[in-house]
Amino acid sequence: QVQLVSSGGGLVQAGGSLRLSCAASGRTFSSDNMGWFRQAPGKEREFVARITWSGDSTYYTDSVKDRFTISRDNAKNTVYLTMNSLKPEDTAVYYCAASRDWTTRPQGYRYWGQGTQVTVSS
């Protein structure tokens, strides 16, 4: 079992920044690939970014490239999503998730955090 607790969301103006955190407990966090997803009202959950268990490889959806950065600190059992140049269309509930697979599909992630709300005002 892996328990994930996400935090760091909030209300920010367009062009601003936020850093989301996802703290893991349970089985060995350093063996899991981690992902961030988001879900806006009335829309499906979509992939945002992922990082390998070692942190040596990352991948982003096109809409956040060059604005968002995923990182992890295995000593702290925490994965981060640093979001810069935020846009109103980034407004969503953001979820972290853990997987032993290297995938962008939500179905490939077994463990999920509770979500944290990010609201970007124009």
PDB file of N, CA and C in Angstrom:
ATOM      1  N   GLN A   1       0.832  -1.190   0.000  1.00  0.00           N
ATOM      2  CA  GLN A   1       0.000   0.000   0.000  1.00  0.00           C
ATOM      3  C   GLN A   1       0.870   1.245   0.000  1.00  0.00           C
ATOM      4  N   VAL A   2       0.414   2.261  -0.725  1.00  0.00           N
ATOM      5  CA  VAL A   2       1.062   3.567  -0.725  1.00  0.00           C
ATOM      6  C   VAL A   2       0.003   4.600  -0.397  1.00  0.00           C
ATOM      7  N   GLN A   3       0.302   5.449   0.556  1.00  0.00           N
ATOM      8  CA  GLN A   3      -0.592   6.565   0.861  1.00  0.00           C
ATOM      9  C   GLN A   3       0.050   7.845   0.344  1.00  0.00           C
ATOM     10  N   LEU A   4      -0.735   8.619  -0.380  1.00  0.00           N
ATOM     11  CA  LEU A   4      -0.241   9.860  -0.978  1.00  0.00           C
ATOM     12  C   LEU A   4      -1.072  11.023  -0.469  1.00  0.00           C
ATOM     13  N   VAL A   5      -0.399  12.058  -0.001  1.00  0.00           N
ATOM     14  CA  VAL A   5      -1.080  13.256   0.492  1.00  0.00           C
ATOM     15  C   VAL A   5      -0.526  14.455  -0.254  1.00  0.00           C
ATOM     16  N   SER A   6      -1.380  15.098  -1.016  1.00  0.00           N
ATOM     17  CA  SER A   6      -0.945  16.242  -1.816  1.00  0.00           C
ATOM     18  C   SER A   6      -1.328  17.543  -1.135  1.00  0.00           C
ATOM     19  N   SER A   7      -0.532  18.568  -1.409  1.00  0.00           N
ATOM     20  CA  SER A   7      -0.762  19.885  -0.817  1.00  0.00           C
ATOM     21  C   SER A   7      -0.149  20.949  -1.714  1.00  0.00           C
ATOM     22  N   GLY A   8      -0.432  22.201  -1.378  1.00  0.00           N
ATOM     23  CA  GLY A   8       0.209  23.306  -2.077  1.00  0.00           C
ATOM     24  C   GLY A   8      -0.671  24.053  -3.053  1.00  0.00           C
ATOM     25  N   GLY A   9      -1.886  23.584  -3.247  1.00  0.00           N
ATOM     26  CA  GLY A   9      -2.780  24.283  -4.154  1.00  0.00           C
ATOM     27  C   GLY A   9      -3.252  25.605  -3.571  1.00  0.00           C
ATOM     28  N   GLY A  10      -3.945  26.362  -4.390  1.00  0.00           N
ATOM     29  CA  GLY A  10      -4.466  27.640  -3.923  1.00  0.00           C
ATOM     30  C   GLY A  10      -4.955  28.494  -5.071  1.00  0.00           C
ATOM     31  N   LEU A  11      -5.193  29.752  -4.749  1.00  0.00           N
ATOM     32  CA  LEU A  11      -5.659  30.729  -5.730  1.00  0.00           C
ATOM     33  C   LEU A  11      -4.493  31.630  -6.115  1.00  0.00           C
ATOM     34  N   VAL A  12      -4.261  31.770  -7.404  1.00  0.00           N
ATOM     35  CA  VAL A  12      -3.146  32.583  -7.883  1.00  0.00           C
ATOM     36  C   VAL A  12      -3.587  33.332  -9.136  1.00  0.00           C
ATOM     37  N   GLN A  13      -3.004  34.500  -9.352  1.00  0.00           N
ATOM     38  CA  GLN A  13      -3.312  35.251 -10.563  1.00  0.00           C
ATOM     39  C   GLN A  13      -2.571  34.669 -11.756  1.00  0.00           C
ATOM     40  N   ALA A  14      -3.112  34.895 -12.932  1.00  0.00           N
ATOM     41  CA  ALA A  14      -2.447  34.456 -14.153  1.00  0.00           C
ATOM     42  C   ALA A  14      -1.026  35.015 -14.201  1.00  0.00           C
ATOM     43  N   GLY A  15      -0.101  34.149 -14.596  1.00  0.00           N
ATOM     44  CA  GLY A  15       1.307  34.511 -14.621  1.00  0.00           C
ATOM     45  C   GLY A  15       2.044  34.165 -13.355  1.00  0.00           C
ATOM     46  N   GLY A  16       1.314  33.780 -12.323  1.00  0.00           N
ATOM     47  CA  GLY A  16       1.927  33.440 -11.052  1.00  0.00           C
ATOM     48  C   GLY A  16       2.442  32.016 -11.006  1.00  0.00           C
ATOM     49  N   SER A  17       2.898  31.626  -9.818  1.00  0.00           N
ATOM     50  CA  SER A  17       3.519  30.313  -9.628  1.00  0.00           C
ATOM     51  C   SER A  17       2.972  29.629  -8.377  1.00  0.00           C
ATOM     52  N   LEU A  18       3.011  28.318  -8.412  1.00  0.00           N
ATOM     53  CA  LEU A  18       2.688  27.484  -7.256  1.00  0.00           C
ATOM     54  C   LEU A  18       3.582  26.264  -7.292  1.00  0.00           C
ATOM     55  N   ARG A  19       3.828  25.693  -6.124  1.00  0.00           N
ATOM     56  CA  ARG A  19       4.521  24.406  -6.060  1.00  0.00           C
ATOM     57  C   ARG A  19       3.659  23.430  -5.281  1.00  0.00           C
ATOM     58  N   LEU A  20       3.276  22.366  -5.945  1.00  0.00           N
ATOM     59  CA  LEU A  20       2.517  21.303  -5.316  1.00  0.00           C
ATOM     60  C   LEU A  20       3.485  20.262  -4.752  1.00  0.00           C
ATOM     61  N   SER A  21       3.094  19.676  -3.640  1.00  0.00           N
ATOM     62  CA  SER A  21       3.873  18.611  -3.024  1.00  0.00           C
ATOM     63  C   SER A  21       2.986  17.382  -2.857  1.00  0.00           C
ATOM     64  N   CYS A  22       3.608  16.232  -2.893  1.00  0.00           N
ATOM     65  CA  CYS A  22       2.903  14.972  -2.692  1.00  0.00           C
ATOM     66  C   CYS A  22       3.794  14.098  -1.820  1.00  0.00           C
ATOM     67  N   ALA A  23       3.369  13.903  -0.589  1.00  0.00           N
ATOM     68  CA  ALA A  23       4.133  13.112   0.369  1.00  0.00           C
ATOM     69  C   ALA A  23       3.627  11.676   0.377  1.00  0.00           C
ATOM     70  N   ALA A  24       4.549  10.742   0.283  1.00  0.00           N
ATOM     71  CA  ALA A  24       4.193   9.330   0.215  1.00  0.00           C
ATOM     72  C   ALA A  24       4.601   8.599   1.476  1.00  0.00           C
ATOM     73  N   SER A  25       3.814   7.617   1.830  1.00  0.00           N
ATOM     74  CA  SER A  25       4.162   6.722   2.931  1.00  0.00           C
ATOM     75  C   SER A  25       3.697   5.319   2.553  1.00  0.00           C
ATOM     76  N   GLY A  26       4.217   4.355   3.245  1.00  0.00           N
ATOM     77  CA  GLY A  26       3.837   2.984   2.933  1.00  0.00           C
ATOM     78  C   GLY A  26       5.001   2.226   2.341  1.00  0.00           C
ATOM     79  N   ARG A  27       4.749   1.556   1.242  1.00  0.00           N
ATOM     80  CA  ARG A  27       5.804   0.749   0.623  1.00  0.00           C
ATOM     81  C   ARG A  27       6.887   1.657   0.061  1.00  0.00           C
ATOM     82  N   THR A  28       7.915   1.106  -0.460  1.00  0.00           N
ATOM     83  CA  THR A  28       9.094   1.855  -0.871  1.00  0.00           C
ATOM     84  C   THR A  28       8.759   2.855  -1.975  1.00  0.00           C
ATOM     85  N   PHE A  29       8.726   4.122  -1.621  1.00  0.00           N
ATOM     86  CA  PHE A  29       8.400   5.184  -2.557  1.00  0.00           C
ATOM     87  C   PHE A  29       9.405   5.255  -3.684  1.00  0.00           C
ATOM     88  N   SER A  30      10.667   5.003  -3.374  1.00  0.00           N
ATOM     89  CA  SER A  30      11.719   5.177  -4.374  1.00  0.00           C
ATOM     90  C   SER A  30      11.643   4.161  -5.497  1.00  0.00           C
ATOM     91  N   SER A  31      10.757   3.179  -5.390  1.00  0.00           N
ATOM     92  CA  SER A  31      10.584   2.200  -6.472  1.00  0.00           C
ATOM     93  C   SER A  31       9.474   2.583  -7.435  1.00  0.00           C
ATOM     94  N   ASP A  32       8.729   3.626  -7.120  1.00  0.00           N
ATOM     95  CA  ASP A  32       7.562   3.997  -7.910  1.00  0.00           C
ATOM     96  C   ASP A  32       7.856   5.142  -8.866  1.00  0.00           C
ATOM     97  N   ASN A  33       7.380   4.991 -10.100  1.00  0.00           N
ATOM     98  CA  ASN A  33       7.292   6.141 -10.983  1.00  0.00           C
ATOM     99  C   ASN A  33       6.106   6.986 -10.502  1.00  0.00           C
ATOM    100  N   MET A  34       6.231   8.286 -10.612  1.00  0.00           N
ATOM    101  CA  MET A  34       5.192   9.164 -10.099  1.00  0.00           C
ATOM    102  C   MET A  34       4.639  10.053 -11.203  1.00  0.00           C
ATOM    103  N   GLY A  35       3.370  10.361 -11.080  1.00  0.00           N
ATOM    104  CA  GLY A  35       2.738  11.226 -12.069  1.00  0.00           C
ATOM    105  C   GLY A  35       1.857  12.262 -11.411  1.00  0.00           C
ATOM    106  N   TRP A  36       1.641  13.335 -12.132  1.00  0.00           N
ATOM    107  CA  TRP A  36       0.651  14.343 -11.765  1.00  0.00           C
ATOM    108  C   TRP A  36      -0.423  14.370 -12.854  1.00  0.00           C
ATOM    109  N   PHE A  37      -1.660  14.424 -12.404  1.00  0.00           N
ATOM    110  CA  PHE A  37      -2.806  14.535 -13.297  1.00  0.00           C
ATOM    111  C   PHE A  37      -3.650  15.718 -12.834  1.00  0.00           C
ATOM    112  N   ARG A  38      -4.565  16.149 -13.670  1.00  0.00           N
ATOM    113  CA  ARG A  38      -5.489  17.205 -13.255  1.00  0.00           C
ATOM    114  C   ARG A  38      -6.871  16.952 -13.854  1.00  0.00           C
ATOM    115  N   GLN A  39      -7.863  17.482 -13.167  1.00  0.00           N
ATOM    116  CA  GLN A  39      -9.225  17.329 -13.633  1.00  0.00           C
ATOM    117  C   GLN A  39      -9.985  18.622 -13.397  1.00  0.00           C
ATOM    118  N   ALA A  40     -10.426  19.220 -14.492  1.00  0.00           N
ATOM    119  CA  ALA A  40     -11.234  20.430 -14.433  1.00  0.00           C
ATOM    120  C   ALA A  40     -12.709  20.035 -14.397  1.00  0.00           C
ATOM    121  N   PRO A  41     -13.572  20.910 -13.895  1.00  0.00           N
ATOM    122  CA  PRO A  41     -14.999  20.586 -13.822  1.00  0.00           C
ATOM    123  C   PRO A  41     -15.562  20.208 -15.185  1.00  0.00           C
ATOM    124  N   GLY A  42     -16.266  19.079 -15.224  1.00  0.00           N
ATOM    125  CA  GLY A  42     -16.889  18.634 -16.455  1.00  0.00           C
ATOM    126  C   GLY A  42     -15.957  18.004 -17.460  1.00  0.00           C
ATOM    127  N   LYS A  43     -14.695  17.836 -17.078  1.00  0.00           N
ATOM    128  CA  LYS A  43     -13.719  17.246 -17.998  1.00  0.00           C
ATOM    129  C   LYS A  43     -13.135  15.974 -17.415  1.00  0.00           C
ATOM    130  N   GLU A  44     -12.542  15.184 -18.289  1.00  0.00           N
ATOM    131  CA  GLU A  44     -11.890  13.961 -17.839  1.00  0.00           C
ATOM    132  C   GLU A  44     -10.553  14.285 -17.178  1.00  0.00           C
ATOM    133  N   ARG A  45     -10.105  13.371 -16.340  1.00  0.00           N
ATOM    134  CA  ARG A  45      -8.796  13.526 -15.731  1.00  0.00           C
ATOM    135  C   ARG A  45      -7.737  13.410 -16.825  1.00  0.00           C
ATOM    136  N   GLU A  46      -6.785  14.332 -16.829  1.00  0.00           N
ATOM    137  CA  GLU A  46      -5.762  14.332 -17.864  1.00  0.00           C
ATOM    138  C   GLU A  46      -4.366  14.297 -17.263  1.00  0.00           C
ATOM    139  N   PHE A  47      -3.473  13.682 -18.017  1.00  0.00           N
ATOM    140  CA  PHE A  47      -2.080  13.574 -17.624  1.00  0.00           C
ATOM    141  C   PHE A  47      -1.398  14.935 -17.704  1.00  0.00           C
ATOM    142  N   VAL A  48      -0.536  15.224 -16.733  1.00  0.00           N
ATOM    143  CA  VAL A  48       0.234  16.464 -16.728  1.00  0.00           C
ATOM    144  C   VAL A  48       1.730  16.195 -16.866  1.00  0.00           C
ATOM    145  N   ALA A  49       2.261  15.347 -15.977  1.00  0.00           N
ATOM    146  CA  ALA A  49       3.708  15.111 -15.975  1.00  0.00           C
ATOM    147  C   ALA A  49       3.997  13.799 -15.260  1.00  0.00           C
ATOM    148  N   ARG A  50       5.152  13.229 -15.556  1.00  0.00           N
ATOM    149  CA  ARG A  50       5.567  12.014 -14.856  1.00  0.00           C
ATOM    150  C   ARG A  50       7.076  12.036 -14.681  1.00  0.00           C
ATOM    151  N   ILE A  51       7.541  11.221 -13.725  1.00  0.00           N
ATOM    152  CA  ILE A  51       8.968  11.139 -13.424  1.00  0.00           C
ATOM    153  C   ILE A  51       9.284   9.712 -13.039  1.00  0.00           C
ATOM    154  N   THR A  52      10.451   9.242 -13.460  1.00  0.00           N
ATOM    155  CA  THR A  52      10.842   7.885 -13.123  1.00  0.00           C
ATOM    156  C   THR A  52      11.176   7.764 -11.644  1.00  0.00           C
ATOM    157  N   TRP A  53      11.289   6.518 -11.176  1.00  0.00           N
ATOM    158  CA  TRP A  53      11.580   6.287  -9.765  1.00  0.00           C
ATOM    159  C   TRP A  53      12.903   6.910  -9.367  1.00  0.00           C
ATOM    160  N   SER A  54      13.834   6.962 -10.288  1.00  0.00           N
ATOM    161  CA  SER A  54      15.155   7.510  -9.959  1.00  0.00           C
ATOM    162  C   SER A  54      15.225   9.017 -10.171  1.00  0.00           C
ATOM    163  N   GLY A  55      14.251   9.565 -10.867  1.00  0.00           N
ATOM    164  CA  GLY A  55      14.275  10.988 -11.172  1.00  0.00           C
ATOM    165  C   GLY A  55      15.076  11.350 -12.399  1.00  0.00           C
ATOM    166  N   ASP A  56      15.560  10.343 -13.139  1.00  0.00           N
ATOM    167  CA  ASP A  56      16.446  10.651 -14.264  1.00  0.00           C
ATOM    168  C   ASP A  56      15.711  10.909 -15.567  1.00  0.00           C
ATOM    169  N   SER A  57      14.409  10.743 -15.562  1.00  0.00           N
ATOM    170  CA  SER A  57      13.648  10.998 -16.780  1.00  0.00           C
ATOM    171  C   SER A  57      12.289  11.584 -16.423  1.00  0.00           C
ATOM    172  N   THR A  58      11.875  12.570 -17.195  1.00  0.00           N
ATOM    173  CA  THR A  58      10.573  13.200 -17.006  1.00  0.00           C
ATOM    174  C   THR A  58       9.863  13.325 -18.349  1.00  0.00           C
ATOM    175  N   TYR A  59       8.574  13.543 -18.272  1.00  0.00           N
ATOM    176  CA  TYR A  59       7.777  13.699 -19.489  1.00  0.00           C
ATOM    177  C   TYR A  59       6.578  14.568 -19.154  1.00  0.00           C
ATOM    178  N   TYR A  60       6.230  15.469 -20.099  1.00  0.00           N
ATOM    179  CA  TYR A  60       5.164  16.431 -19.857  1.00  0.00           C
ATOM    180  C   TYR A  60       4.161  16.438 -21.006  1.00  0.00           C
ATOM    181  N   THR A  61       2.938  16.754 -20.679  1.00  0.00           N
ATOM    182  CA  THR A  61       1.988  17.024 -21.744  1.00  0.00           C
ATOM    183  C   THR A  61       2.353  18.351 -22.395  1.00  0.00           C
ATOM    184  N   ASP A  62       2.038  18.500 -23.664  1.00  0.00           N
ATOM    185  CA  ASP A  62       2.505  19.659 -24.421  1.00  0.00           C
ATOM    186  C   ASP A  62       2.074  20.987 -23.805  1.00  0.00           C
ATOM    187  N   SER A  63       0.892  21.035 -23.232  1.00  0.00           N
ATOM    188  CA  SER A  63       0.355  22.314 -22.759  1.00  0.00           C
ATOM    189  C   SER A  63       1.097  22.878 -21.554  1.00  0.00           C
ATOM    190  N   VAL A  64       1.910  22.062 -20.895  1.00  0.00           N
ATOM    191  CA  VAL A  64       2.626  22.556 -19.702  1.00  0.00           C
ATOM    192  C   VAL A  64       4.128  22.565 -19.896  1.00  0.00           C
ATOM    193  N   LYS A  65       4.607  22.084 -21.020  1.00  0.00           N
ATOM    194  CA  LYS A  65       6.053  22.074 -21.262  1.00  0.00           C
ATOM    195  C   LYS A  65       6.619  23.478 -21.141  1.00  0.00           C
ATOM    196  N   ASP A  66       7.783  23.585 -20.563  1.00  0.00           N
ATOM    197  CA  ASP A  66       8.506  24.848 -20.358  1.00  0.00           C
ATOM    198  C   ASP A  66       7.867  25.734 -19.300  1.00  0.00           C
ATOM    199  N   ARG A  67       6.764  25.284 -18.690  1.00  0.00           N
ATOM    200  CA  ARG A  67       6.142  26.044 -17.590  1.00  0.00           C
ATOM    201  C   ARG A  67       6.136  25.249 -16.289  1.00  0.00           C
ATOM    202  N   PHE A  68       5.933  23.943 -16.384  1.00  0.00           N
ATOM    203  CA  PHE A  68       5.853  23.079 -15.207  1.00  0.00           C
ATOM    204  C   PHE A  68       7.110  22.219 -15.109  1.00  0.00           C
ATOM    205  N   THR A  69       7.500  21.898 -13.883  1.00  0.00           N
ATOM    206  CA  THR A  69       8.626  21.001 -13.649  1.00  0.00           C
ATOM    207  C   THR A  69       8.251  19.990 -12.570  1.00  0.00           C
ATOM    208  N   ILE A  70       8.408  18.724 -12.895  1.00  0.00           N
ATOM    209  CA  ILE A  70       8.196  17.662 -11.912  1.00  0.00           C
ATOM    210  C   ILE A  70       9.550  17.250 -11.360  1.00  0.00           C
ATOM    211  N   SER A  71       9.604  17.018 -10.066  1.00  0.00           N
ATOM    212  CA  SER A  71      10.850  16.598  -9.433  1.00  0.00           C
ATOM    213  C   SER A  71      10.499  15.728  -8.231  1.00  0.00           C
ATOM    214  N   ARG A  72      11.521  15.092  -7.666  1.00  0.00           N
ATOM    215  CA  ARG A  72      11.262  14.244  -6.500  1.00  0.00           C
ATOM    216  C   ARG A  72      12.479  14.245  -5.589  1.00  0.00           C
ATOM    217  N   ASP A  73      12.199  13.988  -4.331  1.00  0.00           N
ATOM    218  CA  ASP A  73      13.233  13.840  -3.320  1.00  0.00           C
ATOM    219  C   ASP A  73      12.937  12.524  -2.613  1.00  0.00           C
ATOM    220  N   ASN A  74      13.645  11.476  -2.999  1.00  0.00           N
ATOM    221  CA  ASN A  74      13.360  10.161  -2.430  1.00  0.00           C
ATOM    222  C   ASN A  74      13.723  10.079  -0.953  1.00  0.00           C
ATOM    223  N   ALA A  75      14.633  10.904  -0.514  1.00  0.00           N
ATOM    224  CA  ALA A  75      14.980  10.921   0.914  1.00  0.00           C
ATOM    225  C   ALA A  75      13.820  11.454   1.748  1.00  0.00           C
ATOM    226  N   LYS A  76      13.002  12.302   1.133  1.00  0.00           N
ATOM    227  CA  LYS A  76      11.845  12.864   1.825  1.00  0.00           C
ATOM    228  C   LYS A  76      10.540  12.210   1.403  1.00  0.00           C
ATOM    229  N   ASN A  77      10.628  11.213   0.525  1.00  0.00           N
ATOM    230  CA  ASN A  77       9.424  10.530   0.021  1.00  0.00           C
ATOM    231  C   ASN A  77       8.412  11.526  -0.541  1.00  0.00           C
ATOM    232  N   THR A  78       8.897  12.469  -1.305  1.00  0.00           N
ATOM    233  CA  THR A  78       8.039  13.537  -1.790  1.00  0.00           C
ATOM    234  C   THR A  78       8.300  13.809  -3.270  1.00  0.00           C
ATOM    235  N   VAL A  79       7.233  14.046  -4.000  1.00  0.00           N
ATOM    236  CA  VAL A  79       7.330  14.474  -5.390  1.00  0.00           C
ATOM    237  C   VAL A  79       6.702  15.871  -5.483  1.00  0.00           C
ATOM    238  N   TYR A  80       7.250  16.680  -6.363  1.00  0.00           N
ATOM    239  CA  TYR A  80       6.827  18.067  -6.482  1.00  0.00           C
ATOM    240  C   TYR A  80       6.373  18.365  -7.910  1.00  0.00           C
ATOM    241  N   LEU A  81       5.513  19.358  -8.019  1.00  0.00           N
ATOM    242  CA  LEU A  81       5.166  19.925  -9.318  1.00  0.00           C
ATOM    243  C   LEU A  81       5.259  21.442  -9.185  1.00  0.00           C
ATOM    244  N   THR A  82       6.297  22.005  -9.781  1.00  0.00           N
ATOM    245  CA  THR A  82       6.480  23.446  -9.763  1.00  0.00           C
ATOM    246  C   THR A  82       5.829  24.017 -11.008  1.00  0.00           C
ATOM    247  N   MET A  83       4.912  24.938 -10.787  1.00  0.00           N
ATOM    248  CA  MET A  83       4.114  25.478 -11.890  1.00  0.00           C
ATOM    249  C   MET A  83       4.363  26.974 -12.019  1.00  0.00           C
ATOM    250  N   ASN A  84       4.895  27.369 -13.136  1.00  0.00           N
ATOM    251  CA  ASN A  84       5.165  28.774 -13.423  1.00  0.00           C
ATOM    252  C   ASN A  84       4.295  29.267 -14.582  1.00  0.00           C
ATOM    253  N   SER A  85       4.202  30.582 -14.711  1.00  0.00           N
ATOM    254  CA  SER A  85       3.430  31.191 -15.807  1.00  0.00           C
ATOM    255  C   SER A  85       2.040  30.572 -15.910  1.00  0.00           C
ATOM    256  N   LEU A  86       1.380  30.486 -14.785  1.00  0.00           N
ATOM    257  CA  LEU A  86       0.083  29.821 -14.746  1.00  0.00           C
ATOM    258  C   LEU A  86      -0.954  30.579 -15.561  1.00  0.00           C
ATOM    259  N   LYS A  87      -1.850  29.813 -16.153  1.00  0.00           N
ATOM    260  CA  LYS A  87      -2.910  30.339 -16.989  1.00  0.00           C
ATOM    261  C   LYS A  87      -4.273  29.927 -16.425  1.00  0.00           C
ATOM    262  N   PRO A  88      -5.314  30.680 -16.732  1.00  0.00           N
ATOM    263  CA  PRO A  88      -6.652  30.278 -16.235  1.00  0.00           C
ATOM    264  C   PRO A  88      -7.027  28.858 -16.637  1.00  0.00           C
ATOM    265  N   GLU A  89      -6.574  28.425 -17.788  1.00  0.00           N
ATOM    266  CA  GLU A  89      -6.894  27.059 -18.230  1.00  0.00           C
ATOM    267  C   GLU A  89      -6.167  25.977 -17.452  1.00  0.00           C
ATOM    268  N   ASP A  90      -5.249  26.368 -16.566  1.00  0.00           N
ATOM    269  CA  ASP A  90      -4.607  25.398 -15.672  1.00  0.00           C
ATOM    270  C   ASP A  90      -5.463  25.113 -14.442  1.00  0.00           C
ATOM    271  N   THR A  91      -6.561  25.835 -14.285  1.00  0.00           N
ATOM    272  CA  THR A  91      -7.440  25.629 -13.138  1.00  0.00           C
ATOM    273  C   THR A  91      -8.005  24.221 -13.143  1.00  0.00           C
ATOM    274  N   ALA A  92      -7.804  23.512 -12.031  1.00  0.00           N
ATOM    275  CA  ALA A  92      -8.241  22.117 -11.925  1.00  0.00           C
ATOM    276  C   ALA A  92      -7.895  21.604 -10.534  1.00  0.00           C
ATOM    277  N   VAL A  93      -8.395  20.420 -10.233  1.00  0.00           N
ATOM    278  CA  VAL A  93      -7.897  19.673  -9.082  1.00  0.00           C
ATOM    279  C   VAL A  93      -6.719  18.841  -9.575  1.00  0.00           C
ATOM    280  N   TYR A  94      -5.610  18.950  -8.878  1.00  0.00           N
ATOM    281  CA  TYR A  94      -4.391  18.250  -9.261  1.00  0.00           C
ATOM    282  C   TYR A  94      -4.194  17.041  -8.345  1.00  0.00           C
ATOM    283  N   TYR A  95      -3.887  15.909  -8.980  1.00  0.00           N
ATOM    284  CA  TYR A  95      -3.701  14.655  -8.264  1.00  0.00           C
ATOM    285  C   TYR A  95      -2.302  14.107  -8.530  1.00  0.00           C
ATOM    286  N   CYS A  96      -1.655  13.606  -7.484  1.00  0.00           N
ATOM    287  CA  CYS A  96      -0.447  12.831  -7.693  1.00  0.00           C
ATOM    288  C   CYS A  96      -0.818  11.354  -7.667  1.00  0.00           C
ATOM    289  N   ALA A  97       0.000  10.555  -8.308  1.00  0.00           N
ATOM    290  CA  ALA A  97      -0.288   9.136  -8.405  1.00  0.00           C
ATOM    291  C   ALA A  97       1.008   8.349  -8.544  1.00  0.00           C
ATOM    292  N   ALA A  98       0.959   7.088  -8.128  1.00  0.00           N
ATOM    293  CA  ALA A  98       2.130   6.221  -8.144  1.00  0.00           C
ATOM    294  C   ALA A  98       1.883   5.007  -9.019  1.00  0.00           C
ATOM    295  N   SER A  99       2.920   4.612  -9.750  1.00  0.00           N
ATOM    296  CA  SER A  99       2.805   3.471 -10.644  1.00  0.00           C
ATOM    297  C   SER A  99       4.141   2.754 -10.763  1.00  0.00           C
ATOM    298  N   ARG A 100       4.099   1.459 -10.947  1.00  0.00           N
ATOM    299  CA  ARG A 100       5.311   0.707 -11.277  1.00  0.00           C
ATOM    300  C   ARG A 100       5.535   0.692 -12.795  1.00  0.00           C
ATOM    301  N   ASP A 101       4.559   1.226 -13.548  1.00  0.00           N
ATOM    302  CA  ASP A 101       4.661   1.306 -15.000  1.00  0.00           C
ATOM    303  C   ASP A 101       5.110   2.700 -15.418  1.00  0.00           C
ATOM    304  N   TRP A 102       5.531   2.818 -16.667  1.00  0.00           N
ATOM    305  CA  TRP A 102       5.907   4.119 -17.236  1.00  0.00           C
ATOM    306  C   TRP A 102       4.830   4.468 -18.261  1.00  0.00           C
ATOM    307  N   THR A 103       3.832   5.238 -17.811  1.00  0.00           N
ATOM    308  CA  THR A 103       2.643   5.442 -18.610  1.00  0.00           C
ATOM    309  C   THR A 103       2.043   6.819 -18.351  1.00  0.00           C
ATOM    310  N   THR A 104       1.241   7.294 -19.315  1.00  0.00           N
ATOM    311  CA  THR A 104       0.478   8.527 -19.125  1.00  0.00           C
ATOM    312  C   THR A 104      -1.000   8.233 -18.857  1.00  0.00           C
ATOM    313  N   ARG A 105      -1.369   6.965 -18.895  1.00  0.00           N
ATOM    314  CA  ARG A 105      -2.779   6.598 -18.714  1.00  0.00           C
ATOM    315  C   ARG A 105      -3.135   6.554 -17.236  1.00  0.00           C
ATOM    316  N   PRO A 106      -4.220   7.208 -16.834  1.00  0.00           N
ATOM    317  CA  PRO A 106      -4.630   7.138 -15.420  1.00  0.00           C
ATOM    318  C   PRO A 106      -4.832   5.700 -14.956  1.00  0.00           C
ATOM    319  N   GLN A 107      -5.273   4.846 -15.872  1.00  0.00           N
ATOM    320  CA  GLN A 107      -5.524   3.453 -15.488  1.00  0.00           C
ATOM    321  C   GLN A 107      -4.250   2.720 -15.096  1.00  0.00           C
ATOM    322  N   GLY A 108      -3.122   3.275 -15.486  1.00  0.00           N
ATOM    323  CA  GLY A 108      -1.853   2.642 -15.161  1.00  0.00           C
ATOM    324  C   GLY A 108      -1.321   2.988 -13.779  1.00  0.00           C
ATOM    325  N   TYR A 109      -2.018   3.852 -13.066  1.00  0.00           N
ATOM    326  CA  TYR A 109      -1.585   4.289 -11.739  1.00  0.00           C
ATOM    327  C   TYR A 109      -2.486   3.664 -10.683  1.00  0.00           C
ATOM    328  N   ARG A 110      -1.868   3.003  -9.754  1.00  0.00           N
ATOM    329  CA  ARG A 110      -2.644   2.247  -8.767  1.00  0.00           C
ATOM    330  C   ARG A 110      -3.004   3.083  -7.545  1.00  0.00           C
ATOM    331  N   TYR A 111      -2.121   3.987  -7.153  1.00  0.00           N
ATOM    332  CA  TYR A 111      -2.332   4.751  -5.925  1.00  0.00           C
ATOM    333  C   TYR A 111      -2.459   6.227  -6.268  1.00  0.00           C
ATOM    334  N   TRP A 112      -3.415   6.883  -5.579  1.00  0.00           N
ATOM    335  CA  TRP A 112      -3.732   8.270  -5.869  1.00  0.00           C
ATOM    336  C   TRP A 112      -3.793   9.105  -4.600  1.00  0.00           C
ATOM    337  N   GLY A 113      -3.360  10.353  -4.706  1.00  0.00           N
ATOM    338  CA  GLY A 113      -3.568  11.298  -3.635  1.00  0.00           C
ATOM    339  C   GLY A 113      -4.996  11.823  -3.665  1.00  0.00           C
ATOM    340  N   GLN A 114      -5.320  12.636  -2.694  1.00  0.00           N
ATOM    341  CA  GLN A 114      -6.692  13.117  -2.536  1.00  0.00           C
ATOM    342  C   GLN A 114      -7.002  14.321  -3.418  1.00  0.00           C
ATOM    343  N   GLY A 115      -5.992  14.909  -4.003  1.00  0.00           N
ATOM    344  CA  GLY A 115      -6.197  16.062  -4.878  1.00  0.00           C
ATOM    345  C   GLY A 115      -6.059  17.376  -4.147  1.00  0.00           C
ATOM    346  N   THR A 116      -5.567  18.376  -4.871  1.00  0.00           N
ATOM    347  CA  THR A 116      -5.443  19.718  -4.324  1.00  0.00           C
ATOM    348  C   THR A 116      -5.914  20.703  -5.398  1.00  0.00           C
ATOM    349  N   GLN A 117      -6.721  21.673  -5.003  1.00  0.00           N
ATOM    350  CA  GLN A 117      -7.340  22.601  -5.946  1.00  0.00           C
ATOM    351  C   GLN A 117      -6.364  23.707  -6.331  1.00  0.00           C
ATOM    352  N   VAL A 118      -6.240  23.925  -7.629  1.00  0.00           N
ATOM    353  CA  VAL A 118      -5.481  25.053  -8.162  1.00  0.00           C
ATOM    354  C   VAL A 118      -6.447  25.915  -8.957  1.00  0.00           C
ATOM    355  N   THR A 119      -6.530  27.183  -8.589  1.00  0.00           N
ATOM    356  CA  THR A 119      -7.407  28.120  -9.289  1.00  0.00           C
ATOM    357  C   THR A 119      -6.573  29.304  -9.759  1.00  0.00           C
ATOM    358  N   VAL A 120      -6.629  29.556 -11.059  1.00  0.00           N
ATOM    359  CA  VAL A 120      -5.866  30.657 -11.645  1.00  0.00           C
ATOM    360  C   VAL A 120      -6.854  31.697 -12.154  1.00  0.00           C
ATOM    361  N   SER A 121      -6.767  32.886 -11.600  1.00  0.00           N
ATOM    362  CA  SER A 121      -7.678  33.956 -12.004  1.00  0.00           C
ATOM    363  C   SER A 121      -7.061  34.791 -13.119  1.00  0.00           C
ATOM    364  N   SER A 122      -7.921  35.313 -13.960  1.00  0.00           N
ATOM    365  CA  SER A 122      -7.435  36.111 -15.099  1.00  0.00           C
ATOM    366  C   SER A 122      -7.324  37.585 -14.740  1.00  0.00           C
TER     367      SER A 122
END
